[in-house]
């Protein structure tokens, strides 16, 4: 699989806006998390990336001399719990990470063969969420990625 993905219909996973980086750092501070230079560098790198990144790709982009791999993984977990990073789970336990969008979320189609990832713009989980609410669940959220073979790999 690739270290990240791009969206043919525009970049929505991140933005070069310094406001997003500052906002993420402020949220971490409000949640009581320590703001280290390594964490600032990770947030800045995610904010500047036009694609979600794997933990290893983030480690490389920040610089292996500036942050160790364990710190990257622990920080990403903390960032996700704080709500500043969205984790995009892939098959086989891998994940990609991007700064969380405040105005929407989306899902992906993932090709099992070539690793191509495409954005799905719709998210209709109404029936599933209604079933969860009927069973008494509250504060609902979800993760959905769909796997298959892209048209190129299907015919290749």
N, C-alpha and C. Protein backbone atom coordinates (compact mmCIF):
# COMPACT_ATOMS: atom_id res chain seq x y z
N UNK A 1 0.84 -1.18 0.00
CA UNK A 1 0.00 0.00 0.00
C UNK A 1 0.88 1.25 0.00
N UNK A 2 0.32 2.31 -0.46
CA UNK A 2 1.04 3.57 -0.50
C UNK A 2 1.10 4.19 0.88
N UNK A 3 2.03 5.13 1.07
CA UNK A 3 2.14 5.85 2.32
C UNK A 3 1.05 6.88 2.50
N UNK A 4 0.31 7.18 1.45
CA UNK A 4 -0.77 8.16 1.52
C UNK A 4 -1.64 8.04 0.31
N UNK A 5 -2.55 8.95 0.14
CA UNK A 5 -3.42 8.94 -1.03
C UNK A 5 -3.80 10.35 -1.41
N UNK A 6 -4.31 10.47 -2.61
CA UNK A 6 -4.80 11.78 -3.04
C UNK A 6 -6.22 11.62 -3.53
N UNK A 7 -6.94 12.72 -3.56
CA UNK A 7 -8.32 12.71 -3.99
C UNK A 7 -8.41 13.39 -5.34
N UNK A 8 -8.96 12.70 -6.35
CA UNK A 8 -9.08 13.33 -7.66
C UNK A 8 -10.00 14.53 -7.67
N UNK A 9 -10.93 14.60 -6.72
CA UNK A 9 -11.88 15.71 -6.70
C UNK A 9 -11.48 16.81 -5.74
N UNK A 10 -10.21 16.88 -5.42
CA UNK A 10 -9.74 17.98 -4.58
C UNK A 10 -9.15 17.48 -3.28
N UNK A 11 -8.43 18.35 -2.62
CA UNK A 11 -7.73 18.01 -1.40
C UNK A 11 -8.57 18.39 -0.21
N UNK A 12 -9.03 17.39 0.53
CA UNK A 12 -9.84 17.70 1.70
C UNK A 12 -9.24 17.11 2.97
N UNK A 13 -8.21 16.32 2.83
CA UNK A 13 -7.64 15.66 4.00
C UNK A 13 -6.76 16.60 4.81
N UNK A 14 -6.23 17.58 4.17
CA UNK A 14 -5.39 18.52 4.90
C UNK A 14 -5.32 19.82 4.13
N UNK A 15 -4.69 20.78 4.74
CA UNK A 15 -4.60 22.10 4.15
C UNK A 15 -3.33 22.75 4.62
N UNK A 16 -2.77 23.60 3.81
CA UNK A 16 -1.54 24.26 4.20
C UNK A 16 -1.78 25.43 5.14
N UNK A 17 -2.97 25.57 5.63
CA UNK A 17 -3.30 26.67 6.51
C UNK A 17 -2.60 26.54 7.85
N UNK A 18 -1.83 27.56 8.24
CA UNK A 18 -1.19 27.51 9.55
C UNK A 18 -2.23 27.54 10.67
N UNK A 19 -3.44 28.03 10.38
CA UNK A 19 -4.50 28.06 11.38
C UNK A 19 -4.87 26.65 11.82
N UNK A 20 -4.89 25.69 10.90
CA UNK A 20 -5.22 24.31 11.27
C UNK A 20 -4.18 23.75 12.21
N UNK A 21 -2.94 24.05 11.95
CA UNK A 21 -1.85 23.58 12.81
C UNK A 21 -1.97 24.20 14.19
N UNK A 22 -2.18 25.49 14.25
CA UNK A 22 -2.30 26.20 15.52
C UNK A 22 -3.53 25.74 16.28
N UNK A 23 -4.62 25.52 15.57
CA UNK A 23 -5.85 25.05 16.19
C UNK A 23 -5.66 23.66 16.80
N UNK A 24 -4.96 22.79 16.09
CA UNK A 24 -4.71 21.44 16.59
C UNK A 24 -3.85 21.49 17.84
N UNK A 25 -2.83 22.32 17.84
CA UNK A 25 -1.96 22.46 19.02
C UNK A 25 -2.76 23.00 20.20
N UNK A 26 -3.61 23.98 19.96
CA UNK A 26 -4.44 24.54 21.02
C UNK A 26 -5.39 23.49 21.59
N UNK A 27 -5.97 22.67 20.74
CA UNK A 27 -6.84 21.59 21.21
C UNK A 27 -6.07 20.62 22.08
N UNK A 28 -4.88 20.26 21.66
CA UNK A 28 -4.05 19.35 22.47
C UNK A 28 -3.77 19.97 23.84
N UNK A 29 -3.46 21.25 23.84
CA UNK A 29 -3.18 21.96 25.10
C UNK A 29 -4.41 21.94 26.01
N UNK A 30 -5.58 22.23 25.42
CA UNK A 30 -6.84 22.23 26.19
C UNK A 30 -7.16 20.85 26.77
N UNK A 31 -6.73 19.80 26.08
CA UNK A 31 -6.97 18.44 26.56
C UNK A 31 -5.91 17.98 27.56
N UNK A 32 -4.97 18.89 27.88
CA UNK A 32 -3.96 18.57 28.88
C UNK A 32 -2.76 17.81 28.37
N UNK A 33 -2.58 17.77 27.07
CA UNK A 33 -1.43 17.06 26.50
C UNK A 33 -0.22 17.98 26.43
N UNK A 34 0.94 17.40 26.65
CA UNK A 34 2.19 18.17 26.53
C UNK A 34 2.43 18.53 25.07
N UNK A 35 2.91 19.75 24.86
CA UNK A 35 3.21 20.22 23.51
C UNK A 35 4.72 20.28 23.37
N UNK A 36 5.30 19.23 22.81
CA UNK A 36 6.75 19.17 22.61
C UNK A 36 7.08 19.63 21.20
N UNK A 37 8.34 19.89 20.95
CA UNK A 37 8.75 20.27 19.59
C UNK A 37 8.47 19.15 18.60
N UNK A 38 8.65 17.89 19.04
CA UNK A 38 8.37 16.75 18.16
C UNK A 38 6.88 16.73 17.80
N UNK A 39 6.02 16.97 18.76
CA UNK A 39 4.58 16.98 18.48
C UNK A 39 4.20 18.15 17.58
N UNK A 40 4.81 19.31 17.80
CA UNK A 40 4.55 20.45 16.91
C UNK A 40 4.97 20.12 15.48
N UNK A 41 6.12 19.48 15.34
CA UNK A 41 6.63 19.12 14.01
C UNK A 41 5.70 18.11 13.33
N UNK A 42 5.17 17.18 14.10
CA UNK A 42 4.26 16.19 13.53
C UNK A 42 2.96 16.86 13.06
N UNK A 43 2.40 17.73 13.89
CA UNK A 43 1.17 18.44 13.53
C UNK A 43 1.41 19.30 12.29
N UNK A 44 2.53 20.02 12.28
CA UNK A 44 2.87 20.88 11.13
C UNK A 44 2.99 20.03 9.85
N UNK A 45 3.65 18.88 9.95
CA UNK A 45 3.83 18.01 8.79
C UNK A 45 2.49 17.49 8.28
N UNK A 46 1.62 17.08 9.18
CA UNK A 46 0.29 16.62 8.76
C UNK A 46 -0.50 17.76 8.13
N UNK A 47 -0.38 18.96 8.67
CA UNK A 47 -1.10 20.12 8.13
C UNK A 47 -0.62 20.48 6.73
N UNK A 48 0.66 20.30 6.47
CA UNK A 48 1.22 20.66 5.17
C UNK A 48 1.10 19.56 4.12
N UNK A 49 0.78 18.35 4.56
CA UNK A 49 0.70 17.23 3.63
C UNK A 49 -0.61 17.28 2.84
N UNK A 50 -0.52 17.03 1.55
CA UNK A 50 -1.73 17.00 0.71
C UNK A 50 -2.37 15.62 0.73
N UNK A 51 -1.76 14.68 1.43
CA UNK A 51 -2.28 13.32 1.52
C UNK A 51 -2.17 12.82 2.95
N UNK A 52 -3.08 11.95 3.39
CA UNK A 52 -2.89 11.32 4.70
C UNK A 52 -1.60 10.49 4.67
N UNK A 53 -0.96 10.37 5.81
CA UNK A 53 0.33 9.69 5.88
C UNK A 53 0.28 8.49 6.81
N UNK A 54 1.07 7.49 6.49
CA UNK A 54 1.27 6.38 7.42
C UNK A 54 2.18 6.89 8.54
N UNK A 55 2.22 6.17 9.64
CA UNK A 55 3.11 6.55 10.74
C UNK A 55 4.56 6.56 10.27
N UNK A 56 4.93 5.58 9.46
CA UNK A 56 6.31 5.53 8.96
C UNK A 56 6.63 6.70 8.04
N UNK A 57 5.67 7.06 7.17
CA UNK A 57 5.89 8.21 6.28
C UNK A 57 6.00 9.49 7.09
N UNK A 58 5.17 9.63 8.12
CA UNK A 58 5.24 10.81 8.98
C UNK A 58 6.61 10.87 9.68
N UNK A 59 7.06 9.73 10.18
CA UNK A 59 8.37 9.65 10.83
C UNK A 59 9.47 10.13 9.89
N UNK A 60 9.43 9.68 8.64
CA UNK A 60 10.44 10.08 7.66
C UNK A 60 10.36 11.57 7.33
N UNK A 61 9.14 12.08 7.14
CA UNK A 61 8.98 13.50 6.78
C UNK A 61 9.38 14.44 7.91
N UNK A 62 9.05 14.08 9.15
CA UNK A 62 9.45 14.92 10.29
C UNK A 62 10.96 14.88 10.45
N UNK A 63 11.52 13.71 10.23
CA UNK A 63 12.97 13.55 10.33
C UNK A 63 13.32 12.56 11.44
N UNK A 64 13.97 11.50 11.05
CA UNK A 64 14.32 10.46 12.02
C UNK A 64 15.28 10.97 13.09
N UNK A 65 15.95 12.07 12.79
CA UNK A 65 16.86 12.67 13.78
C UNK A 65 16.11 13.56 14.78
N UNK A 66 14.85 13.92 14.48
CA UNK A 66 14.07 14.81 15.34
C UNK A 66 13.09 14.08 16.25
N UNK A 67 12.65 12.89 15.81
CA UNK A 67 11.64 12.14 16.57
C UNK A 67 11.84 10.65 16.32
N UNK A 68 11.69 9.86 17.36
CA UNK A 68 11.83 8.41 17.16
C UNK A 68 10.47 7.81 16.81
N UNK A 69 10.51 6.61 16.27
CA UNK A 69 9.30 5.94 15.78
C UNK A 69 8.27 5.71 16.89
N UNK A 70 8.71 5.32 18.08
CA UNK A 70 7.79 5.08 19.19
C UNK A 70 7.03 6.36 19.54
N UNK A 71 7.72 7.49 19.54
CA UNK A 71 7.08 8.77 19.83
C UNK A 71 6.02 9.08 18.77
N UNK A 72 6.30 8.78 17.52
CA UNK A 72 5.33 9.01 16.45
C UNK A 72 4.06 8.21 16.72
N UNK A 73 4.21 6.92 17.00
CA UNK A 73 3.04 6.07 17.24
C UNK A 73 2.26 6.52 18.48
N UNK A 74 2.96 6.80 19.56
CA UNK A 74 2.28 7.23 20.79
C UNK A 74 1.59 8.57 20.60
N UNK A 75 2.25 9.48 19.91
CA UNK A 75 1.65 10.80 19.66
C UNK A 75 0.43 10.69 18.77
N UNK A 76 0.49 9.86 17.73
CA UNK A 76 -0.68 9.69 16.86
C UNK A 76 -1.86 9.14 17.63
N UNK A 77 -1.61 8.20 18.53
CA UNK A 77 -2.69 7.68 19.38
C UNK A 77 -3.29 8.80 20.23
N UNK A 78 -2.43 9.60 20.84
CA UNK A 78 -2.89 10.72 21.68
C UNK A 78 -3.64 11.75 20.83
N UNK A 79 -3.14 12.05 19.64
CA UNK A 79 -3.78 13.01 18.75
C UNK A 79 -5.18 12.52 18.35
N UNK A 80 -5.29 11.22 18.07
CA UNK A 80 -6.59 10.67 17.68
C UNK A 80 -7.57 10.74 18.85
N UNK A 81 -7.13 10.38 20.04
CA UNK A 81 -8.00 10.46 21.22
C UNK A 81 -8.44 11.89 21.51
N UNK A 82 -7.57 12.84 21.22
CA UNK A 82 -7.89 14.26 21.44
C UNK A 82 -8.77 14.82 20.33
N UNK A 83 -8.93 14.06 19.24
CA UNK A 83 -9.80 14.50 18.15
C UNK A 83 -9.15 15.41 17.13
N UNK A 84 -7.83 15.54 17.15
CA UNK A 84 -7.18 16.42 16.18
C UNK A 84 -6.68 15.67 14.95
N UNK A 85 -6.62 14.35 15.03
CA UNK A 85 -6.18 13.53 13.91
C UNK A 85 -7.24 12.49 13.62
N UNK A 86 -7.50 12.28 12.34
CA UNK A 86 -8.41 11.21 11.92
C UNK A 86 -7.56 10.06 11.40
N UNK A 87 -7.84 8.87 11.92
CA UNK A 87 -7.16 7.66 11.47
C UNK A 87 -8.01 7.02 10.40
N UNK A 88 -7.38 6.69 9.27
CA UNK A 88 -8.03 5.98 8.18
C UNK A 88 -7.50 4.54 8.22
N UNK A 89 -8.26 3.61 8.79
CA UNK A 89 -7.76 2.23 8.88
C UNK A 89 -7.75 1.55 7.52
N UNK A 90 -6.71 0.79 7.29
CA UNK A 90 -6.59 -0.01 6.08
C UNK A 90 -6.60 -1.48 6.48
N UNK A 91 -6.72 -2.35 5.52
CA UNK A 91 -6.66 -3.78 5.83
C UNK A 91 -5.28 -4.14 6.39
N UNK A 92 -5.22 -5.27 7.04
CA UNK A 92 -3.97 -5.81 7.57
C UNK A 92 -3.37 -4.93 8.65
N UNK A 93 -4.22 -4.18 9.37
CA UNK A 93 -3.77 -3.42 10.53
C UNK A 93 -3.06 -2.11 10.25
N UNK A 94 -2.91 -1.73 9.01
CA UNK A 94 -2.24 -0.47 8.69
C UNK A 94 -3.23 0.68 8.77
N UNK A 95 -2.70 1.89 8.96
CA UNK A 95 -3.55 3.08 9.02
C UNK A 95 -2.84 4.26 8.37
N UNK A 96 -3.63 5.19 7.92
CA UNK A 96 -3.14 6.49 7.45
C UNK A 96 -3.73 7.54 8.37
N UNK A 97 -3.04 8.67 8.49
CA UNK A 97 -3.45 9.73 9.42
C UNK A 97 -3.47 11.07 8.71
N UNK A 98 -4.47 11.89 9.08
CA UNK A 98 -4.59 13.26 8.58
C UNK A 98 -5.17 14.11 9.69
N UNK A 99 -4.90 15.41 9.65
CA UNK A 99 -5.56 16.29 10.61
C UNK A 99 -7.06 16.16 10.40
N UNK A 100 -7.80 16.11 11.47
CA UNK A 100 -9.24 15.93 11.39
C UNK A 100 -9.89 17.17 10.80
N UNK A 101 -10.80 16.94 9.88
CA UNK A 101 -11.59 18.03 9.32
C UNK A 101 -12.70 18.36 10.32
N UNK A 102 -12.97 19.62 10.49
CA UNK A 102 -14.00 20.02 11.46
C UNK A 102 -15.39 20.07 10.84
N UNK A 103 -15.47 20.12 9.50
CA UNK A 103 -16.76 20.31 8.87
C UNK A 103 -17.31 19.08 8.15
N UNK A 104 -16.54 17.98 8.08
CA UNK A 104 -17.02 16.78 7.41
C UNK A 104 -16.11 15.60 7.71
N UNK A 105 -16.57 14.43 7.31
CA UNK A 105 -15.68 13.27 7.25
C UNK A 105 -16.06 12.48 6.01
N UNK A 106 -15.21 11.57 5.65
CA UNK A 106 -15.47 10.79 4.44
C UNK A 106 -14.86 9.41 4.58
N UNK A 107 -15.15 8.59 3.60
CA UNK A 107 -14.67 7.21 3.60
C UNK A 107 -13.95 6.94 2.29
N UNK A 108 -13.39 5.75 2.17
CA UNK A 108 -12.55 5.45 1.01
C UNK A 108 -12.86 4.09 0.39
N UNK A 109 -12.58 3.99 -0.91
CA UNK A 109 -12.50 2.73 -1.63
C UNK A 109 -11.02 2.41 -1.74
N UNK A 110 -10.63 1.20 -1.41
CA UNK A 110 -9.21 0.84 -1.42
C UNK A 110 -9.01 -0.38 -2.30
N UNK A 111 -8.10 -0.28 -3.28
CA UNK A 111 -7.79 -1.41 -4.15
C UNK A 111 -6.81 -2.33 -3.42
N UNK A 112 -7.20 -3.58 -3.29
CA UNK A 112 -6.36 -4.57 -2.60
C UNK A 112 -5.09 -4.89 -3.37
N UNK A 113 -5.10 -4.69 -4.67
CA UNK A 113 -3.95 -5.09 -5.48
C UNK A 113 -2.92 -3.98 -5.64
N UNK A 114 -3.34 -2.80 -6.08
CA UNK A 114 -2.37 -1.73 -6.37
C UNK A 114 -2.26 -0.70 -5.26
N UNK A 115 -3.22 -0.72 -4.32
CA UNK A 115 -3.18 0.24 -3.21
C UNK A 115 -3.83 1.57 -3.50
N UNK A 116 -4.43 1.74 -4.68
CA UNK A 116 -5.12 2.99 -5.01
C UNK A 116 -6.22 3.24 -3.99
N UNK A 117 -6.36 4.49 -3.56
CA UNK A 117 -7.39 4.86 -2.60
C UNK A 117 -8.18 6.03 -3.17
N UNK A 118 -9.49 5.87 -3.21
CA UNK A 118 -10.36 6.92 -3.71
C UNK A 118 -11.35 7.33 -2.64
N UNK A 119 -11.67 8.59 -2.62
CA UNK A 119 -12.61 9.12 -1.64
C UNK A 119 -14.05 8.84 -2.04
N UNK A 120 -14.85 8.45 -1.08
CA UNK A 120 -16.30 8.36 -1.25
C UNK A 120 -16.88 9.62 -0.63
N UNK A 121 -17.61 10.39 -1.40
CA UNK A 121 -18.09 11.67 -0.88
C UNK A 121 -19.34 11.53 -0.03
N UNK A 122 -20.04 10.41 -0.15
CA UNK A 122 -21.27 10.27 0.64
C UNK A 122 -21.03 9.39 1.85
N UNK A 123 -21.87 9.59 2.84
CA UNK A 123 -21.78 8.82 4.07
C UNK A 123 -23.19 8.65 4.63
N UNK A 124 -23.89 7.64 4.14
CA UNK A 124 -25.25 7.43 4.62
C UNK A 124 -25.29 6.22 5.54
N UNK A 125 -25.17 6.48 6.82
CA UNK A 125 -25.22 5.41 7.82
C UNK A 125 -26.50 5.53 8.65
N UNK A 126 -27.50 6.18 8.11
CA UNK A 126 -28.74 6.45 8.83
C UNK A 126 -29.36 5.18 9.42
N UNK A 127 -29.51 4.14 8.60
CA UNK A 127 -30.15 2.90 9.05
C UNK A 127 -29.31 2.20 10.13
N UNK A 128 -28.01 2.18 9.94
CA UNK A 128 -27.13 1.53 10.91
C UNK A 128 -27.15 2.28 12.24
N UNK A 129 -27.08 3.61 12.18
CA UNK A 129 -27.10 4.40 13.42
C UNK A 129 -28.46 4.28 14.11
N UNK A 130 -29.55 4.21 13.33
CA UNK A 130 -30.88 4.03 13.94
C UNK A 130 -30.96 2.70 14.68
N UNK A 131 -30.37 1.65 14.09
CA UNK A 131 -30.35 0.33 14.75
C UNK A 131 -29.53 0.38 16.04
N UNK A 132 -28.42 1.11 16.03
CA UNK A 132 -27.59 1.24 17.24
C UNK A 132 -28.34 2.01 18.32
N UNK A 133 -29.02 3.09 17.93
CA UNK A 133 -29.80 3.89 18.90
C UNK A 133 -30.95 3.06 19.49
N UNK A 134 -31.57 2.24 18.65
CA UNK A 134 -32.66 1.39 19.11
C UNK A 134 -32.19 0.41 20.19
N UNK A 135 -30.92 0.05 20.11
CA UNK A 135 -30.33 -0.86 21.10
C UNK A 135 -29.78 -0.09 22.31
N UNK A 136 -29.98 1.22 22.33
CA UNK A 136 -29.56 2.02 23.48
C UNK A 136 -28.19 2.64 23.40
N UNK A 137 -27.53 2.55 22.27
CA UNK A 137 -26.19 3.14 22.13
C UNK A 137 -26.31 4.65 21.92
N UNK A 138 -25.37 5.38 22.49
CA UNK A 138 -25.33 6.84 22.35
C UNK A 138 -23.93 7.26 21.92
N UNK A 139 -23.75 8.55 21.63
CA UNK A 139 -22.46 9.12 21.24
C UNK A 139 -21.83 8.29 20.11
N UNK A 140 -22.59 8.06 19.07
CA UNK A 140 -22.18 7.19 17.98
C UNK A 140 -21.14 7.82 17.07
N UNK A 141 -20.28 7.00 16.56
CA UNK A 141 -19.33 7.36 15.52
C UNK A 141 -19.07 6.09 14.72
N UNK A 142 -18.39 6.21 13.60
CA UNK A 142 -18.13 5.02 12.79
C UNK A 142 -16.88 5.20 11.95
N UNK A 143 -16.38 4.06 11.47
CA UNK A 143 -15.25 4.01 10.55
C UNK A 143 -15.67 3.07 9.42
N UNK A 144 -15.50 3.50 8.19
CA UNK A 144 -15.91 2.67 7.08
C UNK A 144 -14.93 2.84 5.92
N UNK A 145 -14.33 1.76 5.51
CA UNK A 145 -13.48 1.73 4.33
C UNK A 145 -13.94 0.51 3.54
N UNK A 146 -14.04 0.63 2.23
CA UNK A 146 -14.49 -0.47 1.38
C UNK A 146 -13.32 -0.95 0.52
N UNK A 147 -13.11 -2.26 0.52
CA UNK A 147 -11.98 -2.87 -0.19
C UNK A 147 -12.46 -3.68 -1.38
N UNK A 148 -11.67 -3.67 -2.44
CA UNK A 148 -11.96 -4.45 -3.63
C UNK A 148 -10.85 -4.26 -4.64
N UNK A 149 -11.13 -4.56 -5.89
CA UNK A 149 -10.17 -4.34 -6.98
C UNK A 149 -10.66 -3.18 -7.83
N UNK A 150 -9.77 -2.24 -8.09
CA UNK A 150 -10.12 -1.09 -8.93
C UNK A 150 -10.35 -1.58 -10.37
N UNK A 151 -10.95 -0.76 -11.23
CA UNK A 151 -11.21 -1.19 -12.61
C UNK A 151 -9.95 -1.64 -13.36
N UNK A 152 -8.84 -0.95 -13.16
CA UNK A 152 -7.60 -1.32 -13.84
C UNK A 152 -7.14 -2.70 -13.41
N UNK A 153 -7.14 -2.97 -12.11
CA UNK A 153 -6.69 -4.28 -11.61
C UNK A 153 -7.70 -5.37 -11.92
N UNK A 154 -8.98 -5.04 -11.98
CA UNK A 154 -10.01 -6.03 -12.30
C UNK A 154 -9.87 -6.57 -13.72
N UNK A 155 -9.40 -5.70 -14.62
CA UNK A 155 -9.28 -6.09 -16.03
C UNK A 155 -7.86 -6.42 -16.43
N UNK A 156 -6.94 -6.39 -15.45
CA UNK A 156 -5.52 -6.61 -15.77
C UNK A 156 -5.13 -7.98 -15.52
